Amino acid sequence: MKTKIATLIALTVGLSALHAQSDTAPASGRQTGSTQRAKPATPLVVATLDANHRGIIDAAEINNASAALKSLDKSADGKLTAGELRRPRPARPASGVTRPRAMQKRSSAEGSGAEIRSQYR
């Protein structure tokens, strides 16, 4: 019981900190510098249910939920597995080079690391 209470308190404090952090975002609404992050992707189930892509699941979309969720059932077994609920990985851009490049050996003209460090002391 004590563990459950401690966990709930820790979650509450963590969520409060996250909420406070989001309240102190720059006034322009844009994050800058090292705090800039990509917008997280909408979960696949929510994106599937939200047919009009407004970010709100309205009554019409709720009425159509069964059909929308069936569209995710790729195996047609009447169950949604974890694999069916995951978004597909983004395709990698096609390029001519498919293998990693080998590291280049430094020529003696470039000098060793010790020589380079001694130049900047």
N, C-alpha and C. Protein backbone atom coordinates (compact mmCIF):
# COMPACT_ATOMS: atom_id res chain seq x y z
N MET A 1 0.82 -1.20 0.00
CA MET A 1 0.00 0.00 0.00
C MET A 1 0.87 1.26 0.00
N LYS A 2 1.95 1.24 0.78
CA LYS A 2 2.84 2.39 0.83
C LYS A 2 3.49 2.64 -0.53
N THR A 3 3.79 1.56 -1.23
CA THR A 3 4.41 1.69 -2.55
C THR A 3 3.44 2.35 -3.53
N LYS A 4 2.17 1.98 -3.47
CA LYS A 4 1.18 2.58 -4.36
C LYS A 4 1.03 4.07 -4.08
N ILE A 5 0.99 4.43 -2.81
CA ILE A 5 0.85 5.85 -2.44
C ILE A 5 2.08 6.63 -2.90
N ALA A 6 3.27 6.06 -2.67
CA ALA A 6 4.50 6.75 -3.10
C ALA A 6 4.53 6.91 -4.61
N THR A 7 4.08 5.90 -5.34
CA THR A 7 4.05 5.98 -6.80
C THR A 7 3.07 7.05 -7.26
N LEU A 8 1.90 7.11 -6.64
CA LEU A 8 0.92 8.14 -7.00
C LEU A 8 1.45 9.54 -6.72
N ILE A 9 2.12 9.70 -5.60
CA ILE A 9 2.69 11.01 -5.26
C ILE A 9 3.76 11.39 -6.27
N ALA A 10 4.63 10.44 -6.62
CA ALA A 10 5.69 10.72 -7.59
C ALA A 10 5.11 11.09 -8.94
N LEU A 11 4.07 10.37 -9.37
CA LEU A 11 3.42 10.70 -10.65
C LEU A 11 2.78 12.08 -10.61
N THR A 12 2.14 12.40 -9.50
CA THR A 12 1.51 13.71 -9.36
C THR A 12 2.54 14.83 -9.43
N VAL A 13 3.65 14.66 -8.72
CA VAL A 13 4.70 15.67 -8.74
C VAL A 13 5.29 15.80 -10.14
N GLY A 14 5.53 14.66 -10.79
CA GLY A 14 6.09 14.70 -12.14
C GLY A 14 5.17 15.38 -13.13
N LEU A 15 3.88 15.05 -13.07
CA LEU A 15 2.92 15.69 -13.97
C LEU A 15 2.78 17.17 -13.68
N SER A 16 2.84 17.53 -12.40
CA SER A 16 2.78 18.96 -12.04
C SER A 16 3.96 19.71 -12.62
N ALA A 17 5.14 19.08 -12.55
CA ALA A 17 6.34 19.72 -13.10
C ALA A 17 6.23 19.88 -14.60
N LEU A 18 5.71 18.86 -15.28
CA LEU A 18 5.53 18.95 -16.73
C LEU A 18 4.53 20.04 -17.09
N HIS A 19 3.46 20.12 -16.32
CA HIS A 19 2.44 21.15 -16.58
C HIS A 19 3.02 22.54 -16.35
N ALA A 20 3.79 22.70 -15.29
CA ALA A 20 4.41 23.99 -15.01
C ALA A 20 5.40 24.36 -16.10
N GLN A 21 6.13 23.37 -16.61
CA GLN A 21 7.08 23.61 -17.68
C GLN A 21 6.38 24.10 -18.94
N SER A 22 5.23 23.50 -19.25
CA SER A 22 4.51 23.91 -20.45
C SER A 22 3.92 25.29 -20.29
N ASP A 23 3.62 25.70 -19.05
CA ASP A 23 3.09 27.05 -18.81
C ASP A 23 4.15 28.12 -18.97
N THR A 24 5.44 27.75 -18.83
CA THR A 24 6.51 28.74 -18.93
C THR A 24 7.13 28.79 -20.31
N ALA A 25 6.44 28.26 -21.31
CA ALA A 25 6.96 28.29 -22.68
C ALA A 25 7.01 29.74 -23.15
N PRO A 26 7.89 30.07 -24.11
CA PRO A 26 7.98 31.44 -24.61
C PRO A 26 6.62 31.95 -25.11
N ALA A 27 6.41 33.24 -24.98
CA ALA A 27 5.12 33.85 -25.33
C ALA A 27 4.78 33.67 -26.80
N SER A 28 5.79 33.57 -27.65
CA SER A 28 5.53 33.44 -29.07
C SER A 28 4.98 32.07 -29.43
N GLY A 29 5.05 31.12 -28.48
CA GLY A 29 4.55 29.79 -28.75
C GLY A 29 5.56 28.90 -29.43
N ARG A 30 6.71 29.47 -29.75
CA ARG A 30 7.75 28.69 -30.40
C ARG A 30 8.85 28.39 -29.41
N GLN A 31 9.40 27.20 -29.49
CA GLN A 31 10.53 26.87 -28.66
C GLN A 31 11.78 27.20 -29.45
N THR A 32 12.82 27.59 -28.74
CA THR A 32 14.04 27.99 -29.44
C THR A 32 15.23 27.21 -28.91
N GLY A 33 16.29 27.20 -29.68
CA GLY A 33 17.55 26.61 -29.25
C GLY A 33 17.44 25.14 -28.94
N SER A 34 18.06 24.77 -27.82
CA SER A 34 18.12 23.35 -27.48
C SER A 34 16.80 22.79 -26.98
N THR A 35 15.80 23.65 -26.70
CA THR A 35 14.52 23.15 -26.21
C THR A 35 13.56 22.81 -27.33
N GLN A 36 13.94 23.08 -28.57
CA GLN A 36 13.05 22.82 -29.69
C GLN A 36 12.89 21.32 -29.90
N ARG A 37 11.64 20.87 -29.96
CA ARG A 37 11.36 19.45 -30.13
C ARG A 37 10.32 19.27 -31.22
N ALA A 38 10.37 18.10 -31.82
CA ALA A 38 9.38 17.77 -32.83
C ALA A 38 8.04 17.50 -32.15
N LYS A 39 6.97 17.88 -32.80
CA LYS A 39 5.64 17.62 -32.25
C LYS A 39 5.40 16.12 -32.24
N PRO A 40 4.99 15.56 -31.09
CA PRO A 40 4.78 14.11 -31.06
C PRO A 40 3.64 13.71 -31.98
N ALA A 41 3.79 12.55 -32.56
CA ALA A 41 2.76 12.04 -33.48
C ALA A 41 1.51 11.67 -32.70
N THR A 42 0.36 11.94 -33.29
CA THR A 42 -0.90 11.55 -32.70
C THR A 42 -0.98 10.03 -32.69
N PRO A 43 -1.40 9.42 -31.56
CA PRO A 43 -1.52 7.96 -31.54
C PRO A 43 -2.40 7.47 -32.70
N LEU A 44 -2.06 6.32 -33.24
CA LEU A 44 -2.72 5.79 -34.42
C LEU A 44 -4.22 5.61 -34.21
N VAL A 45 -4.61 5.13 -33.04
CA VAL A 45 -6.05 4.92 -32.78
C VAL A 45 -6.79 6.25 -32.82
N VAL A 46 -6.23 7.27 -32.18
CA VAL A 46 -6.87 8.59 -32.17
C VAL A 46 -6.92 9.16 -33.58
N ALA A 47 -5.84 9.04 -34.32
CA ALA A 47 -5.81 9.54 -35.70
C ALA A 47 -6.83 8.81 -36.56
N THR A 48 -7.04 7.52 -36.31
CA THR A 48 -8.01 6.74 -37.08
C THR A 48 -9.43 7.16 -36.74
N LEU A 49 -9.69 7.39 -35.47
CA LEU A 49 -11.05 7.78 -35.07
C LEU A 49 -11.38 9.21 -35.49
N ASP A 50 -10.39 10.11 -35.47
CA ASP A 50 -10.59 11.52 -35.80
C ASP A 50 -10.59 11.69 -37.32
N ALA A 51 -11.71 11.37 -37.95
CA ALA A 51 -11.81 11.37 -39.42
C ALA A 51 -11.60 12.75 -40.03
N ASN A 52 -12.04 13.81 -39.35
CA ASN A 52 -11.91 15.15 -39.93
C ASN A 52 -10.64 15.87 -39.50
N HIS A 53 -9.79 15.20 -38.70
CA HIS A 53 -8.46 15.69 -38.31
C HIS A 53 -8.49 17.06 -37.62
N ARG A 54 -9.51 17.28 -36.77
CA ARG A 54 -9.58 18.53 -36.02
C ARG A 54 -9.00 18.40 -34.62
N GLY A 55 -8.63 17.20 -34.23
CA GLY A 55 -8.10 16.99 -32.88
C GLY A 55 -9.18 16.72 -31.86
N ILE A 56 -10.42 16.60 -32.30
CA ILE A 56 -11.57 16.33 -31.43
C ILE A 56 -12.34 15.17 -32.03
N ILE A 57 -12.67 14.21 -31.18
CA ILE A 57 -13.50 13.10 -31.64
C ILE A 57 -14.93 13.44 -31.28
N ASP A 58 -15.73 13.80 -32.30
CA ASP A 58 -17.11 14.24 -32.06
C ASP A 58 -18.07 13.06 -32.11
N ALA A 59 -19.36 13.33 -31.95
CA ALA A 59 -20.39 12.28 -31.87
C ALA A 59 -20.44 11.44 -33.15
N ALA A 60 -20.32 12.07 -34.30
CA ALA A 60 -20.38 11.32 -35.56
C ALA A 60 -19.20 10.35 -35.65
N GLU A 61 -18.03 10.80 -35.20
CA GLU A 61 -16.85 9.93 -35.23
C GLU A 61 -16.97 8.80 -34.21
N ILE A 62 -17.59 9.06 -33.09
CA ILE A 62 -17.83 8.02 -32.10
C ILE A 62 -18.78 6.97 -32.67
N ASN A 63 -19.81 7.41 -33.37
CA ASN A 63 -20.75 6.47 -34.00
C ASN A 63 -20.06 5.61 -35.06
N ASN A 64 -19.04 6.14 -35.70
CA ASN A 64 -18.31 5.42 -36.75
C ASN A 64 -17.08 4.70 -36.20
N ALA A 65 -16.89 4.69 -34.88
CA ALA A 65 -15.68 4.14 -34.27
C ALA A 65 -15.46 2.67 -34.62
N SER A 66 -16.51 1.89 -34.62
CA SER A 66 -16.37 0.46 -34.90
C SER A 66 -15.78 0.23 -36.29
N ALA A 67 -16.30 0.90 -37.28
CA ALA A 67 -15.80 0.75 -38.65
C ALA A 67 -14.37 1.27 -38.76
N ALA A 68 -14.09 2.39 -38.08
CA ALA A 68 -12.74 2.96 -38.14
C ALA A 68 -11.73 2.02 -37.51
N LEU A 69 -12.08 1.42 -36.37
CA LEU A 69 -11.16 0.50 -35.71
C LEU A 69 -10.98 -0.78 -36.51
N LYS A 70 -12.02 -1.22 -37.19
CA LYS A 70 -11.90 -2.42 -38.03
C LYS A 70 -10.91 -2.19 -39.16
N SER A 71 -10.75 -0.94 -39.59
CA SER A 71 -9.79 -0.66 -40.66
C SER A 71 -8.35 -0.89 -40.20
N LEU A 72 -8.11 -0.86 -38.88
CA LEU A 72 -6.77 -1.12 -38.35
C LEU A 72 -6.46 -2.61 -38.24
N ASP A 73 -7.50 -3.46 -38.24
CA ASP A 73 -7.35 -4.90 -38.07
C ASP A 73 -6.85 -5.53 -39.37
N LYS A 74 -5.54 -5.50 -39.57
CA LYS A 74 -4.95 -5.99 -40.82
C LYS A 74 -5.11 -7.50 -40.99
N SER A 75 -5.15 -8.25 -39.89
CA SER A 75 -5.26 -9.70 -39.99
C SER A 75 -6.72 -10.17 -40.05
N ALA A 76 -7.67 -9.26 -39.90
CA ALA A 76 -9.10 -9.55 -39.96
C ALA A 76 -9.52 -10.66 -39.00
N ASP A 77 -8.89 -10.67 -37.80
CA ASP A 77 -9.24 -11.68 -36.82
C ASP A 77 -10.14 -11.13 -35.72
N GLY A 78 -10.56 -9.87 -35.85
CA GLY A 78 -11.44 -9.26 -34.86
C GLY A 78 -10.71 -8.76 -33.64
N LYS A 79 -9.37 -8.76 -33.67
CA LYS A 79 -8.56 -8.30 -32.55
C LYS A 79 -7.52 -7.30 -33.06
N LEU A 80 -7.25 -6.29 -32.24
CA LEU A 80 -6.19 -5.34 -32.57
C LEU A 80 -4.98 -5.68 -31.72
N THR A 81 -3.91 -6.14 -32.37
CA THR A 81 -2.69 -6.49 -31.65
C THR A 81 -1.78 -5.27 -31.57
N ALA A 82 -0.74 -5.38 -30.77
CA ALA A 82 0.21 -4.27 -30.62
C ALA A 82 0.84 -3.90 -31.97
N GLY A 83 1.11 -4.90 -32.79
CA GLY A 83 1.70 -4.64 -34.11
C GLY A 83 0.76 -3.86 -35.01
N GLU A 84 -0.54 -4.11 -34.88
CA GLU A 84 -1.53 -3.40 -35.71
C GLU A 84 -1.77 -1.98 -35.19
N LEU A 85 -1.45 -1.74 -33.92
CA LEU A 85 -1.66 -0.41 -33.34
C LEU A 85 -0.44 0.49 -33.49
N ARG A 86 0.67 -0.06 -33.96
CA ARG A 86 1.87 0.75 -34.18
C ARG A 86 1.85 1.37 -35.55
N ARG A 87 2.34 2.59 -35.61
CA ARG A 87 2.48 3.25 -36.91
C ARG A 87 3.62 2.59 -37.68
N PRO A 88 3.52 2.51 -39.00
CA PRO A 88 4.63 1.95 -39.77
C PRO A 88 5.84 2.89 -39.69
N ARG A 89 7.02 2.32 -39.79
CA ARG A 89 8.23 3.13 -39.77
C ARG A 89 8.29 3.98 -41.03
N PRO A 90 8.78 5.20 -40.93
CA PRO A 90 8.89 6.03 -42.12
C PRO A 90 9.89 5.42 -43.10
N ALA A 91 9.59 5.56 -44.36
CA ALA A 91 10.47 5.04 -45.40
C ALA A 91 11.75 5.85 -45.45
N ARG A 92 12.86 5.17 -45.64
CA ARG A 92 14.14 5.87 -45.74
C ARG A 92 14.26 6.44 -47.15
N PRO A 93 14.82 7.61 -47.28
CA PRO A 93 14.99 8.19 -48.61
C PRO A 93 15.94 7.33 -49.44
N ALA A 94 15.62 7.20 -50.70
CA ALA A 94 16.46 6.41 -51.60
C ALA A 94 17.76 7.15 -51.86
N SER A 95 18.85 6.43 -51.78
CA SER A 95 20.14 7.04 -52.09
C SER A 95 21.01 6.00 -52.76
N GLY A 96 22.01 6.45 -53.43
CA GLY A 96 22.91 5.55 -54.14
C GLY A 96 23.79 4.74 -53.20
N VAL A 97 24.07 5.28 -52.02
CA VAL A 97 24.96 4.61 -51.08
C VAL A 97 24.11 3.89 -50.04
N THR A 98 24.24 2.57 -49.97
CA THR A 98 23.47 1.81 -49.01
C THR A 98 24.34 1.24 -47.89
N ARG A 99 25.67 1.26 -48.10
CA ARG A 99 26.58 0.74 -47.09
C ARG A 99 27.23 1.89 -46.34
N PRO A 100 27.55 1.68 -45.06
CA PRO A 100 28.28 2.73 -44.34
C PRO A 100 29.68 2.90 -44.94
N ARG A 101 30.15 4.10 -44.94
CA ARG A 101 31.47 4.36 -45.48
C ARG A 101 32.54 3.96 -44.47
N ALA A 102 33.66 3.46 -44.97
CA ALA A 102 34.78 3.10 -44.10
C ALA A 102 35.45 4.37 -43.62
N MET A 103 36.03 4.30 -42.43
CA MET A 103 36.74 5.47 -41.90
C MET A 103 38.03 5.68 -42.68
N GLN A 104 38.37 6.92 -42.89
CA GLN A 104 39.58 7.27 -43.62
C GLN A 104 40.75 7.33 -42.64
N LYS A 105 41.88 6.80 -43.04
CA LYS A 105 43.07 6.88 -42.20
C LYS A 105 43.71 8.25 -42.41
N ARG A 106 44.13 8.87 -41.30
CA ARG A 106 44.76 10.17 -41.39
C ARG A 106 46.15 10.06 -41.98
N SER A 107 46.48 10.99 -42.85
CA SER A 107 47.84 11.00 -43.40
C SER A 107 48.77 11.61 -42.36
N SER A 108 50.04 11.33 -42.48
CA SER A 108 51.00 11.85 -41.51
C SER A 108 51.10 13.37 -41.59
N ALA A 109 50.70 13.96 -42.72
CA ALA A 109 50.74 15.41 -42.88
C ALA A 109 49.74 16.10 -41.97
N GLU A 110 48.65 15.40 -41.60
CA GLU A 110 47.65 16.01 -40.75
C GLU A 110 48.10 16.08 -39.30
N GLY A 111 49.07 15.28 -38.93
CA GLY A 111 49.61 15.32 -37.58
C GLY A 111 48.81 14.45 -36.63
N SER A 112 49.45 14.14 -35.52
CA SER A 112 48.78 13.33 -34.52
C SER A 112 47.96 14.22 -33.60
N GLY A 113 47.13 13.60 -32.80
CA GLY A 113 46.30 14.35 -31.86
C GLY A 113 47.14 15.12 -30.87
N ALA A 114 48.27 14.55 -30.42
CA ALA A 114 49.13 15.22 -29.46
C ALA A 114 49.73 16.49 -30.06
N GLU A 115 50.14 16.41 -31.33
CA GLU A 115 50.70 17.58 -31.99
C GLU A 115 49.66 18.69 -32.13
N ILE A 116 48.45 18.31 -32.46
CA ILE A 116 47.38 19.29 -32.63
C ILE A 116 47.05 19.94 -31.30
N ARG A 117 46.96 19.14 -30.23
CA ARG A 117 46.64 19.70 -28.91
C ARG A 117 47.71 20.64 -28.45
N SER A 118 49.00 20.33 -28.74
CA SER A 118 50.09 21.18 -28.26
C SER A 118 50.07 22.53 -28.96
N GLN A 119 49.48 22.62 -30.15
CA GLN A 119 49.41 23.89 -30.85
C GLN A 119 48.47 24.86 -30.16
N TYR A 120 47.49 24.36 -29.43
CA TYR A 120 46.48 25.21 -28.83
C TYR A 120 46.71 25.47 -27.35
N ARG A 121 47.84 25.11 -26.82
CA ARG A 121 48.13 25.36 -25.39
C ARG A 121 48.81 26.66 -25.19
